[in-house]
Amino acid sequence: MRLSVLDVGSNTVHLLLLDVYPGSRPEPYASHKMALRLVDYQDDDGRITDEGRDLLTGFVVEARDFAVEHRAEDLLAFATSAIREATNGNAVLDHVQSTSGVTLTELSGDQEAAVTFSAVRRWFGWGAGRILDFDIGGGSFEMAIGTNALPTVATSVPLGAGRLYRAYLAGSDVAPPARFKALRKHVRTTLRPAADRIAGGGQPNLVVGTSKTFRSLARICGAAPSGQGPYVQRVMHLEDLRLWTRRMEAMSVTERADLPGVSEHRAAQVVAGAIVAETAMDLLKVESLRISPWALREGLILRRMDRLLRDSTISTVDPKDLVTSS
């Protein structure tokens, strides 16, 4: 069947179509996306403005029609921190549903962390042991740790790259050192209690970074480009990240946009994401981490596929038939 997944994030609204069947690996078929920073459309009271609401609704209608045009049989649609933290988030969701017929499911931060962790577990397998996962979004930062398919501890803090950029670094092409100092203090203070909870989950055998921010940071630090495919091992070392974070603090937004793996619309906020990643690795004594190509979107897809597998009629094999008599 063809499955469509609509992801309303803080930076981008993305529709992905995949061909799936029970037990298969999800195969991407087509995608349609728009760079829509919903938090840029929040007023001083935290409300998403009518303009932002209408831009989101218009894209959801486009996504719905795109899915129908390409014969998608199912649609998963979800929204993350930009919607759940808006003071009128429920009203925006109601407007989208009444206009487009598409129901966006609002995920909590802990749900984001848990679903992303399940995708990371599936990618690296049971042999990875206890996994610690970091995921930096536009509005929030998720962490999860565990040895099973779902994490033992999952948590979310409001330390997204876009959020921090707007709060501390916006307004100048090269922010003064005092702003970076204030940003670092805020990140460490906010992150420490959550890091302590994660540390209670045990010593990880593998630490993983997910999300576009981590992929960009790893590329800046020397990891292979995305064109080499998802199966190339990509590692990011804390020592390299510290060096590049300091360099990016001294760069203009235009200069950051010229770095490998950094898109133009994320160039301003990538340094804020780097500070979050560096601080998390430092607090949890992580010297290096691996990059996973699967994250929240893939976690939701895999859960839907698991449901398809449970609902399908699967022929079973009698174990006795596998034993050859002598």
C-alpha atoms as a PDB file:
ATOM      1  CA  MET A   1       0.000   0.000   0.000  1.00  0.00           C
ATOM      2  CA  ARG A   2       1.013   3.608  -0.353  1.00  0.00           C
ATOM      3  CA  LEU A   3       1.215   5.436   2.957  1.00  0.00           C
ATOM      4  CA  SER A   4       1.423   9.220   3.359  1.00  0.00           C
ATOM      5  CA  VAL A   5       2.868  10.936   6.422  1.00  0.00           C
ATOM      6  CA  LEU A   6       2.377  14.646   7.115  1.00  0.00           C
ATOM      7  CA  ASP A   7       4.831  16.137   9.624  1.00  0.00           C
ATOM      8  CA  VAL A   8       4.051  19.644  10.919  1.00  0.00           C
ATOM      9  CA  GLY A   9       7.291  20.686  12.583  1.00  0.00           C
ATOM     10  CA  SER A  10       8.585  23.987  13.876  1.00  0.00           C
ATOM     11  CA  ASN A  11      10.718  24.648  10.776  1.00  0.00           C
ATOM     12  CA  THR A  12       9.151  22.630   7.981  1.00  0.00           C
ATOM     13  CA  VAL A  13       5.861  21.058   6.985  1.00  0.00           C
ATOM     14  CA  HIS A  14       6.678  17.855   5.136  1.00  0.00           C
ATOM     15  CA  LEU A  15       4.535  15.261   3.368  1.00  0.00           C
ATOM     16  CA  LEU A  16       6.252  11.965   2.612  1.00  0.00           C
ATOM     17  CA  LEU A  17       4.733   9.150   0.542  1.00  0.00           C
ATOM     18  CA  LEU A  18       6.029   5.612   0.965  1.00  0.00           C
ATOM     19  CA  ASP A  19       5.278   2.217  -0.481  1.00  0.00           C
ATOM     20  CA  VAL A  20       4.928  -0.304   2.329  1.00  0.00           C
ATOM     21  CA  TYR A  21       3.603  -3.768   3.001  1.00  0.00           C
ATOM     22  CA  PRO A  22       3.627  -5.922   6.145  1.00  0.00           C
ATOM     23  CA  GLY A  23       7.169  -6.850   7.076  1.00  0.00           C
ATOM     24  CA  SER A  24       8.779  -4.629   4.448  1.00  0.00           C
ATOM     25  CA  ARG A  25      11.284  -1.816   4.688  1.00  0.00           C
ATOM     26  CA  PRO A  26       9.510   1.523   3.985  1.00  0.00           C
ATOM     27  CA  GLU A  27      10.452   2.721   0.492  1.00  0.00           C
ATOM     28  CA  PRO A  28      10.081   6.479  -0.174  1.00  0.00           C
ATOM     29  CA  TYR A  29       7.957   7.234  -3.246  1.00  0.00           C
ATOM     30  CA  ALA A  30       7.560  11.028  -3.309  1.00  0.00           C
ATOM     31  CA  SER A  31       7.620  14.066  -1.029  1.00  0.00           C
ATOM     32  CA  HIS A  32       6.211  17.571  -0.857  1.00  0.00           C
ATOM     33  CA  LYS A  33       7.384  20.139   1.696  1.00  0.00           C
ATOM     34  CA  MET A  34       7.377  23.800   2.636  1.00  0.00           C
ATOM     35  CA  ALA A  35       9.696  25.819   4.868  1.00  0.00           C
ATOM     36  CA  LEU A  36       7.122  27.263   7.278  1.00  0.00           C
ATOM     37  CA  ARG A  37       8.466  28.438  10.625  1.00  0.00           C
ATOM     38  CA  LEU A  38       5.219  28.522  12.543  1.00  0.00           C
ATOM     39  CA  VAL A  39       6.854  30.130  15.553  1.00  0.00           C
ATOM     40  CA  ASP A  40       7.646  33.137  13.361  1.00  0.00           C
ATOM     41  CA  TYR A  41       3.883  33.608  13.171  1.00  0.00           C
ATOM     42  CA  GLN A  42       3.327  33.733  16.931  1.00  0.00           C
ATOM     43  CA  ASP A  43       2.344  37.020  18.545  1.00  0.00           C
ATOM     44  CA  ASP A  44       3.441  38.295  21.958  1.00  0.00           C
ATOM     45  CA  ASP A  45       0.747  36.190  23.649  1.00  0.00           C
ATOM     46  CA  GLY A  46       2.011  32.978  22.046  1.00  0.00           C
ATOM     47  CA  ARG A  47      -0.892  32.759  19.588  1.00  0.00           C
ATOM     48  CA  ILE A  48      -0.339  31.624  16.012  1.00  0.00           C
ATOM     49  CA  THR A  49      -1.599  34.488  13.874  1.00  0.00           C
ATOM     50  CA  ASP A  50      -4.350  34.125  11.304  1.00  0.00           C
ATOM     51  CA  GLU A  51      -1.698  34.416   8.589  1.00  0.00           C
ATOM     52  CA  GLY A  52       0.299  31.519  10.017  1.00  0.00           C
ATOM     53  CA  ARG A  53      -2.848  29.444  10.535  1.00  0.00           C
ATOM     54  CA  ASP A  54      -3.949  30.050   6.950  1.00  0.00           C
ATOM     55  CA  LEU A  55      -0.508  29.246   5.503  1.00  0.00           C
ATOM     56  CA  LEU A  56      -0.493  25.961   7.426  1.00  0.00           C
ATOM     57  CA  THR A  57      -4.049  25.136   6.377  1.00  0.00           C
ATOM     58  CA  GLY A  58      -3.262  25.909   2.740  1.00  0.00           C
ATOM     59  CA  PHE A  59      -0.304  23.553   2.767  1.00  0.00           C
ATOM     60  CA  VAL A  60      -2.312  20.791   4.448  1.00  0.00           C
ATOM     61  CA  VAL A  61      -4.881  21.094   1.646  1.00  0.00           C
ATOM     62  CA  GLU A  62      -2.024  20.868  -0.895  1.00  0.00           C
ATOM     63  CA  ALA A  63      -0.622  17.838   0.911  1.00  0.00           C
ATOM     64  CA  ARG A  64      -4.032  16.149   1.005  1.00  0.00           C
ATOM     65  CA  ASP A  65      -4.516  16.673  -2.726  1.00  0.00           C
ATOM     66  CA  PHE A  66      -0.948  15.531  -3.461  1.00  0.00           C
ATOM     67  CA  ALA A  67      -1.563  12.318  -1.510  1.00  0.00           C
ATOM     68  CA  VAL A  68      -4.839  11.687  -3.346  1.00  0.00           C
ATOM     69  CA  GLU A  69      -3.243  12.414  -6.728  1.00  0.00           C
ATOM     70  CA  HIS A  70      -0.545   9.838  -6.026  1.00  0.00           C
ATOM     71  CA  ARG A  71      -3.058   7.227  -4.813  1.00  0.00           C
ATOM     72  CA  ALA A  72      -2.086   7.142  -1.160  1.00  0.00           C
ATOM     73  CA  GLU A  73      -4.343   4.809   0.809  1.00  0.00           C
ATOM     74  CA  ASP A  74      -3.628   6.092   4.297  1.00  0.00           C
ATOM     75  CA  LEU A  75      -2.566   9.375   5.907  1.00  0.00           C
ATOM     76  CA  LEU A  76      -0.761   9.894   9.191  1.00  0.00           C
ATOM     77  CA  ALA A  77      -0.704  13.563  10.175  1.00  0.00           C
ATOM     78  CA  PHE A  78       0.945  14.921  13.301  1.00  0.00           C
ATOM     79  CA  ALA A  79       2.101  18.193  14.833  1.00  0.00           C
ATOM     80  CA  THR A  80       4.870  18.863  17.327  1.00  0.00           C
ATOM     81  CA  SER A  81       6.074  21.709  19.554  1.00  0.00           C
ATOM     82  CA  ALA A  82       5.051  24.692  17.398  1.00  0.00           C
ATOM     83  CA  ILE A  83       1.389  23.685  17.755  1.00  0.00           C
ATOM     84  CA  ARG A  84       1.368  22.197  21.242  1.00  0.00           C
ATOM     85  CA  GLU A  85       3.025  25.263  22.777  1.00  0.00           C
ATOM     86  CA  ALA A  86       0.907  27.854  20.986  1.00  0.00           C
ATOM     87  CA  THR A  87      -1.796  29.302  23.235  1.00  0.00           C
ATOM     88  CA  ASN A  88      -4.346  28.779  20.450  1.00  0.00           C
ATOM     89  CA  GLY A  89      -2.941  25.463  19.216  1.00  0.00           C
ATOM     90  CA  ASN A  90      -6.259  23.605  19.585  1.00  0.00           C
ATOM     91  CA  ALA A  91      -8.095  26.303  17.648  1.00  0.00           C
ATOM     92  CA  VAL A  92      -5.518  26.076  14.839  1.00  0.00           C
ATOM     93  CA  LEU A  93      -5.927  22.290  14.706  1.00  0.00           C
ATOM     94  CA  ASP A  94      -9.721  22.675  14.583  1.00  0.00           C
ATOM     95  CA  HIS A  95      -9.434  25.184  11.727  1.00  0.00           C
ATOM     96  CA  VAL A  96      -7.157  22.855   9.765  1.00  0.00           C
ATOM     97  CA  GLN A  97      -9.538  19.933  10.284  1.00  0.00           C
ATOM     98  CA  SER A  98     -12.704  21.839   9.359  1.00  0.00           C
ATOM     99  CA  THR A  99     -11.122  23.309   6.216  1.00  0.00           C
ATOM    100  CA  SER A 100      -9.107  20.358   4.916  1.00  0.00           C
ATOM    101  CA  GLY A 101     -10.723  17.331   6.513  1.00  0.00           C
ATOM    102  CA  VAL A 102      -7.289  16.294   7.803  1.00  0.00           C
ATOM    103  CA  THR A 103      -6.945  15.642  11.526  1.00  0.00           C
ATOM    104  CA  LEU A 104      -3.521  16.592  12.885  1.00  0.00           C
ATOM    105  CA  THR A 105      -2.580  14.604  15.981  1.00  0.00           C
ATOM    106  CA  GLU A 106      -0.694  16.672  18.535  1.00  0.00           C
ATOM    107  CA  LEU A 107       2.258  14.808  20.039  1.00  0.00           C
ATOM    108  CA  SER A 108       3.623  15.600  23.481  1.00  0.00           C
ATOM    109  CA  GLY A 109       7.351  16.105  23.925  1.00  0.00           C
ATOM    110  CA  ASP A 110       7.705  12.788  25.772  1.00  0.00           C
ATOM    111  CA  GLN A 111       5.826  11.030  22.959  1.00  0.00           C
ATOM    112  CA  GLU A 112       8.183  12.576  20.421  1.00  0.00           C
ATOM    113  CA  ALA A 113      11.161  11.309  22.390  1.00  0.00           C
ATOM    114  CA  ALA A 114       9.719   7.792  22.739  1.00  0.00           C
ATOM    115  CA  VAL A 115       8.671   7.401  19.102  1.00  0.00           C
ATOM    116  CA  THR A 116      12.012   8.718  17.847  1.00  0.00           C
ATOM    117  CA  PHE A 117      13.803   6.306  20.157  1.00  0.00           C
ATOM    118  CA  SER A 118      11.810   3.385  18.732  1.00  0.00           C
ATOM    119  CA  ALA A 119      12.955   4.326  15.203  1.00  0.00           C
ATOM    120  CA  VAL A 120      16.577   4.539  16.351  1.00  0.00           C
ATOM    121  CA  ARG A 121      16.270   1.148  18.045  1.00  0.00           C
ATOM    122  CA  ARG A 122      14.909  -0.358  14.827  1.00  0.00           C
ATOM    123  CA  TRP A 123      17.744   1.147  12.778  1.00  0.00           C
ATOM    124  CA  PHE A 124      20.603   0.000  15.006  1.00  0.00           C
ATOM    125  CA  GLY A 125      19.023  -3.236  16.260  1.00  0.00           C
ATOM    126  CA  TRP A 126      19.080  -5.122  19.530  1.00  0.00           C
ATOM    127  CA  GLY A 127      22.826  -5.629  19.337  1.00  0.00           C
ATOM    128  CA  ALA A 128      23.343  -1.941  20.096  1.00  0.00           C
ATOM    129  CA  GLY A 129      22.484  -2.532  23.762  1.00  0.00           C
ATOM    130  CA  ARG A 130      21.398   0.478  25.808  1.00  0.00           C
ATOM    131  CA  ILE A 131      20.851   3.442  23.463  1.00  0.00           C
ATOM    132  CA  LEU A 132      20.834   7.122  24.375  1.00  0.00           C
ATOM    133  CA  ASP A 133      19.194   9.290  21.717  1.00  0.00           C
ATOM    134  CA  PHE A 134      19.346  13.081  21.268  1.00  0.00           C
ATOM    135  CA  ASP A 135      16.970  14.913  18.924  1.00  0.00           C
ATOM    136  CA  ILE A 136      17.039  18.684  18.337  1.00  0.00           C
ATOM    137  CA  GLY A 137      14.000  20.225  16.691  1.00  0.00           C
ATOM    138  CA  GLY A 138      13.068  23.795  15.989  1.00  0.00           C
ATOM    139  CA  GLY A 139      11.138  24.235  19.238  1.00  0.00           C
ATOM    140  CA  SER A 140      12.271  21.480  21.591  1.00  0.00           C
ATOM    141  CA  PHE A 141      15.060  19.048  22.432  1.00  0.00           C
ATOM    142  CA  GLU A 142      14.233  15.416  23.176  1.00  0.00           C
ATOM    143  CA  MET A 143      16.312  12.767  24.940  1.00  0.00           C
ATOM    144  CA  ALA A 144      15.560   9.101  25.567  1.00  0.00           C
ATOM    145  CA  ILE A 145      17.469   6.100  26.887  1.00  0.00           C
ATOM    146  CA  GLY A 146      16.715   2.405  27.212  1.00  0.00           C
ATOM    147  CA  THR A 147      17.471  -1.193  26.306  1.00  0.00           C
ATOM    148  CA  ASN A 148      14.093  -2.174  24.857  1.00  0.00           C
ATOM    149  CA  ALA A 149      11.949  -1.081  21.924  1.00  0.00           C
ATOM    150  CA  LEU A 150      10.629   1.797  24.026  1.00  0.00           C
ATOM    151  CA  PRO A 151      12.824   3.915  26.297  1.00  0.00           C
ATOM    152  CA  THR A 152      13.164   3.601  30.043  1.00  0.00           C
ATOM    153  CA  VAL A 153      13.377   7.399  30.344  1.00  0.00           C
ATOM    154  CA  ALA A 154      12.113   9.925  27.786  1.00  0.00           C
ATOM    155  CA  THR A 155      12.047  13.674  28.243  1.00  0.00           C
ATOM    156  CA  SER A 156      11.640  16.922  26.337  1.00  0.00           C
ATOM    157  CA  VAL A 157      12.848  20.453  27.121  1.00  0.00           C
ATOM    158  CA  PRO A 158      12.102  23.753  25.300  1.00  0.00           C
ATOM    159  CA  LEU A 159      15.571  24.057  23.802  1.00  0.00           C
ATOM    160  CA  GLY A 160      14.889  23.884  20.078  1.00  0.00           C
ATOM    161  CA  ALA A 161      17.375  25.540  17.742  1.00  0.00           C
ATOM    162  CA  GLY A 162      14.863  27.965  16.245  1.00  0.00           C
ATOM    163  CA  ARG A 163      13.393  28.934  19.596  1.00  0.00           C
ATOM    164  CA  LEU A 164      16.823  29.724  21.079  1.00  0.00           C
ATOM    165  CA  TYR A 165      17.957  31.664  18.025  1.00  0.00           C
ATOM    166  CA  ARG A 166      14.930  33.938  18.200  1.00  0.00           C
ATOM    167  CA  ALA A 167      15.245  34.429  21.961  1.00  0.00           C
ATOM    168  CA  TYR A 168      18.998  35.114  22.121  1.00  0.00           C
ATOM    169  CA  LEU A 169      20.643  35.663  18.749  1.00  0.00           C
ATOM    170  CA  ALA A 170      18.161  37.288  16.362  1.00  0.00           C
ATOM    171  CA  GLY A 171      18.536  40.888  15.280  1.00  0.00           C
ATOM    172  CA  SER A 172      22.192  40.952  14.274  1.00  0.00           C
ATOM    173  CA  ASP A 173      24.173  39.125  11.623  1.00  0.00           C
ATOM    174  CA  VAL A 174      26.922  38.326  14.123  1.00  0.00           C
ATOM    175  CA  ALA A 175      25.641  38.231  17.693  1.00  0.00           C
ATOM    176  CA  PRO A 176      27.944  39.730  20.359  1.00  0.00           C
ATOM    177  CA  PRO A 177      29.738  37.376  22.797  1.00  0.00           C
ATOM    178  CA  ALA A 178      27.466  38.427  25.674  1.00  0.00           C
ATOM    179  CA  ARG A 179      24.453  36.918  23.912  1.00  0.00           C
ATOM    180  CA  PHE A 180      26.211  33.597  23.408  1.00  0.00           C
ATOM    181  CA  LYS A 181      27.265  33.615  27.058  1.00  0.00           C
ATOM    182  CA  ALA A 182      23.665  34.165  28.153  1.00  0.00           C
ATOM    183  CA  LEU A 183      22.458  31.460  25.756  1.00  0.00           C
ATOM    184  CA  ARG A 184      24.968  28.921  27.072  1.00  0.00           C
ATOM    185  CA  LYS A 185      23.972  29.655  30.663  1.00  0.00           C
ATOM    186  CA  HIS A 186      20.270  29.239  29.849  1.00  0.00           C
ATOM    187  CA  VAL A 187      20.835  25.966  27.997  1.00  0.00           C
ATOM    188  CA  ARG A 188      22.936  24.436  30.777  1.00  0.00           C
ATOM    189  CA  THR A 189      20.526  25.532  33.521  1.00  0.00           C
ATOM    190  CA  THR A 190      17.475  24.245  31.643  1.00  0.00           C
ATOM    191  CA  LEU A 191      19.098  21.008  30.521  1.00  0.00           C
ATOM    192  CA  ARG A 192      20.732  19.860  33.755  1.00  0.00           C
ATOM    193  CA  PRO A 193      17.609  18.418  35.501  1.00  0.00           C
ATOM    194  CA  ALA A 194      16.623  16.535  32.345  1.00  0.00           C
ATOM    195  CA  ALA A 195      20.188  15.263  31.907  1.00  0.00           C
ATOM    196  CA  ASP A 196      20.144  14.003  35.496  1.00  0.00           C
ATOM    197  CA  ARG A 197      16.975  12.015  34.760  1.00  0.00           C
ATOM    198  CA  ILE A 198      18.530  10.538  31.644  1.00  0.00           C
ATOM    199  CA  ALA A 199      21.705   9.632  33.561  1.00  0.00           C
ATOM    200  CA  GLY A 200      19.500   7.606  35.911  1.00  0.00           C
ATOM    201  CA  GLY A 201      18.676   5.338  32.974  1.00  0.00           C
ATOM    202  CA  GLY A 202      22.147   3.802  33.053  1.00  0.00           C
ATOM    203  CA  GLN A 203      25.347   3.927  31.031  1.00  0.00           C
ATOM    204  CA  PRO A 204      24.630   3.808  27.283  1.00  0.00           C
ATOM    205  CA  ASN A 205      26.390   1.419  24.926  1.00  0.00           C
ATOM    206  CA  LEU A 206      25.570   3.671  21.986  1.00  0.00           C
ATOM    207  CA  VAL A 207      24.760   7.376  21.778  1.00  0.00           C
ATOM    208  CA  VAL A 208      22.822   8.588  18.735  1.00  0.00           C
ATOM    209  CA  GLY A 209      21.901  11.965  17.282  1.00  0.00           C
ATOM    210  CA  THR A 210      18.791  12.371  15.141  1.00  0.00           C
ATOM    211  CA  SER A 211      17.190  15.291  13.287  1.00  0.00           C
ATOM    212  CA  LYS A 212      18.337  17.666  10.579  1.00  0.00           C
ATOM    213  CA  THR A 213      20.311  19.706  13.121  1.00  0.00           C
ATOM    214  CA  PHE A 214      22.468  16.748  14.160  1.00  0.00           C
ATOM    215  CA  ARG A 215      22.984  15.693  10.545  1.00  0.00           C
ATOM    216  CA  SER A 216      24.146  19.217   9.693  1.00  0.00           C
ATOM    217  CA  LEU A 217      26.455  19.411  12.697  1.00  0.00           C
ATOM    218  CA  ALA A 218      28.000  16.037  11.892  1.00  0.00           C
ATOM    219  CA  ARG A 219      28.581  17.142   8.303  1.00  0.00           C
ATOM    220  CA  ILE A 220      30.241  20.365   9.508  1.00  0.00           C
ATOM    221  CA  CYS A 221      32.475  18.247  11.754  1.00  0.00           C
ATOM    222  CA  GLY A 222      33.598  16.088   8.831  1.00  0.00           C
ATOM    223  CA  ALA A 223      31.011  13.326   8.416  1.00  0.00           C
ATOM    224  CA  ALA A 224      30.161  11.995   4.963  1.00  0.00           C
ATOM    225  CA  PRO A 225      27.645  13.974   2.872  1.00  0.00           C
ATOM    226  CA  SER A 226      24.077  12.743   2.520  1.00  0.00           C
ATOM    227  CA  GLY A 227      24.740  11.857  -1.121  1.00  0.00           C
ATOM    228  CA  GLN A 228      26.781   8.860   0.002  1.00  0.00           C
ATOM    229  CA  GLY A 229      23.607   7.230   1.294  1.00  0.00           C
ATOM    230  CA  PRO A 230      22.118   6.239   4.656  1.00  0.00           C
ATOM    231  CA  TYR A 231      24.356   3.231   5.277  1.00  0.00           C
ATOM    232  CA  VAL A 232      27.601   5.163   5.622  1.00  0.00           C
ATOM    233  CA  GLN A 233      28.580   5.398   9.281  1.00  0.00           C
ATOM    234  CA  ARG A 234      28.558   9.003  10.456  1.00  0.00           C
ATOM    235  CA  VAL A 235      30.209   9.900  13.759  1.00  0.00           C
ATOM    236  CA  MET A 236      30.457  13.269  15.488  1.00  0.00           C
ATOM    237  CA  HIS A 237      33.061  13.888  18.197  1.00  0.00           C
ATOM    238  CA  LEU A 238      32.561  16.366  21.024  1.00  0.00           C
ATOM    239  CA  GLU A 239      36.042  17.772  20.496  1.00  0.00           C
ATOM    240  CA  ASP A 240      35.211  18.659  16.878  1.00  0.00           C
ATOM    241  CA  LEU A 241      31.809  20.040  17.810  1.00  0.00           C
ATOM    242  CA  ARG A 242      33.326  22.369  20.424  1.00  0.00           C
ATOM    243  CA  LEU A 243      35.781  23.723  17.860  1.00  0.00           C
ATOM    244  CA  TRP A 244      33.146  24.322  15.189  1.00  0.00           C
ATOM    245  CA  THR A 245      30.652  25.824  17.620  1.00  0.00           C
ATOM    246  CA  ARG A 246      33.164  28.497  18.576  1.00  0.00           C
ATOM    247  CA  ARG A 247      33.942  29.133  14.920  1.00  0.00           C
ATOM    248  CA  MET A 248      30.245  29.477  14.063  1.00  0.00           C
ATOM    249  CA  GLU A 249      29.746  31.970  16.883  1.00  0.00           C
ATOM    250  CA  ALA A 250      32.146  34.289  15.057  1.00  0.00           C
ATOM    251  CA  MET A 251      30.561  33.747  11.636  1.00  0.00           C
ATOM    252  CA  SER A 252      27.834  35.701   9.922  1.00  0.00           C
ATOM    253  CA  VAL A 253      24.660  33.910   8.868  1.00  0.00           C
ATOM    254  CA  THR A 254      25.847  34.044   5.249  1.00  0.00           C
ATOM    255  CA  GLU A 255      29.134  32.407   6.189  1.00  0.00           C
ATOM    256  CA  ARG A 256      27.336  29.627   8.058  1.00  0.00           C
ATOM    257  CA  ALA A 257      25.151  29.004   5.019  1.00  0.00           C
ATOM    258  CA  ASP A 258      28.338  28.164   3.089  1.00  0.00           C
ATOM    259  CA  LEU A 259      29.244  25.374   5.527  1.00  0.00           C
ATOM    260  CA  PRO A 260      28.709  21.817   4.284  1.00  0.00           C
ATOM    261  CA  GLY A 261      25.324  20.372   5.180  1.00  0.00           C
ATOM    262  CA  VAL A 262      23.753  23.705   6.213  1.00  0.00           C
ATOM    263  CA  SER A 263      20.741  24.923   4.258  1.00  0.00           C
ATOM    264  CA  GLU A 264      20.101  28.635   3.835  1.00  0.00           C
ATOM    265  CA  HIS A 265      16.942  28.688   5.939  1.00  0.00           C
ATOM    266  CA  ARG A 266      18.675  26.889   8.854  1.00  0.00           C
ATOM    267  CA  ALA A 267      21.947  28.824   8.759  1.00  0.00           C
ATOM    268  CA  ALA A 268      20.868  31.331  11.401  1.00  0.00           C
ATOM    269  CA  GLN A 269      19.807  28.772  13.993  1.00  0.00           C
ATOM    270  CA  VAL A 270      22.406  26.024  13.494  1.00  0.00           C
ATOM    271  CA  VAL A 271      24.789  27.579  16.022  1.00  0.00           C
ATOM    272  CA  ALA A 272      22.076  27.531  18.697  1.00  0.00           C
ATOM    273  CA  GLY A 273      21.533  23.845  17.955  1.00  0.00           C
ATOM    274  CA  ALA A 274      25.287  23.293  18.223  1.00  0.00           C
ATOM    275  CA  ILE A 275      25.303  24.806  21.718  1.00  0.00           C
ATOM    276  CA  VAL A 276      22.484  22.484  22.818  1.00  0.00           C
ATOM    277  CA  ALA A 277      24.244  19.434  21.367  1.00  0.00           C
ATOM    278  CA  GLU A 278      27.573  20.388  22.925  1.00  0.00           C
ATOM    279  CA  THR A 279      26.008  21.007  26.336  1.00  0.00           C
ATOM    280  CA  ALA A 280      24.067  17.737  26.328  1.00  0.00           C
ATOM    281  CA  MET A 281      27.146  15.756  25.353  1.00  0.00           C
ATOM    282  CA  ASP A 282      29.194  17.517  28.022  1.00  0.00           C
ATOM    283  CA  LEU A 283      26.652  17.027  30.827  1.00  0.00           C
ATOM    284  CA  LEU A 284      26.238  13.333  30.009  1.00  0.00           C
ATOM    285  CA  LYS A 285      29.971  12.765  29.389  1.00  0.00           C
ATOM    286  CA  VAL A 286      29.475  11.722  25.768  1.00  0.00           C
ATOM    287  CA  GLU A 287      32.673  11.951  23.723  1.00  0.00           C
ATOM    288  CA  SER A 288      31.174  10.868  20.396  1.00  0.00           C
ATOM    289  CA  LEU A 289      27.851   9.860  18.890  1.00  0.00           C
ATOM    290  CA  ARG A 290      26.472   8.188  15.769  1.00  0.00           C
ATOM    291  CA  ILE A 291      23.978   9.770  13.403  1.00  0.00           C
ATOM    292  CA  SER A 292      20.750   7.901  12.641  1.00  0.00           C
ATOM    293  CA  PRO A 293      18.900   8.553   9.368  1.00  0.00           C
ATOM    294  CA  TRP A 294      15.648   7.520  11.072  1.00  0.00           C
ATOM    295  CA  ALA A 295      13.838   9.735  13.571  1.00  0.00           C
ATOM    296  CA  LEU A 296      10.284  10.756  14.555  1.00  0.00           C
ATOM    297  CA  ARG A 297       8.676  10.467  11.139  1.00  0.00           C
ATOM    298  CA  GLU A 298      10.110   6.999  10.571  1.00  0.00           C
ATOM    299  CA  GLY A 299       9.079   5.938  14.079  1.00  0.00           C
ATOM    300  CA  LEU A 300       5.450   6.755  13.313  1.00  0.00           C
ATOM    301  CA  ILE A 301       5.684   5.002   9.952  1.00  0.00           C
ATOM    302  CA  LEU A 302       7.107   1.872  11.572  1.00  0.00           C
ATOM    303  CA  ARG A 303       4.355   1.849  14.186  1.00  0.00           C
ATOM    304  CA  ARG A 304       1.745   2.036  11.422  1.00  0.00           C
ATOM    305  CA  MET A 305       3.463  -0.781   9.563  1.00  0.00           C
ATOM    306  CA  ASP A 306       3.557  -2.891  12.713  1.00  0.00           C
ATOM    307  CA  ARG A 307      -0.193  -2.414  13.003  1.00  0.00           C
ATOM    308  CA  LEU A 308      -0.606  -3.515   9.392  1.00  0.00           C
ATOM    309  CA  LEU A 309       1.440  -6.600  10.149  1.00  0.00           C
ATOM    310  CA  ARG A 310      -0.686  -7.465  13.184  1.00  0.00           C
ATOM    311  CA  ASP A 311      -3.889  -6.940  11.224  1.00  0.00           C
ATOM    312  CA  SER A 312      -2.802  -8.981   8.207  1.00  0.00           C
ATOM    313  CA  THR A 313      -3.305 -12.698   7.819  1.00  0.00           C
ATOM    314  CA  ILE A 314       0.111 -14.269   8.157  1.00  0.00           C
ATOM    315  CA  SER A 315       0.683 -17.896   7.346  1.00  0.00           C
ATOM    316  CA  THR A 316       2.568 -19.678  10.079  1.00  0.00           C
ATOM    317  CA  VAL A 317       5.130 -22.445   9.834  1.00  0.00           C
ATOM    318  CA  ASP A 318       4.991 -25.460  12.090  1.00  0.00           C
ATOM    319  CA  PRO A 319       8.398 -25.712  13.786  1.00  0.00           C
ATOM    320  CA  LYS A 320       8.331 -29.467  13.104  1.00  0.00           C
ATOM    321  CA  ASP A 321       8.446 -28.707   9.383  1.00  0.00           C
ATOM    322  CA  LEU A 322      11.809 -27.039   9.879  1.00  0.00           C
ATOM    323  CA  VAL A 323      13.382 -30.191  11.301  1.00  0.00           C
ATOM    324  CA  THR A 324      14.685 -32.664   8.773  1.00  0.00           C
ATOM    325  CA  SER A 325      14.471 -36.228  10.013  1.00  0.00           C
ATOM    326  CA  SER A 326      17.512 -38.385   9.473  1.00  0.00           C
END
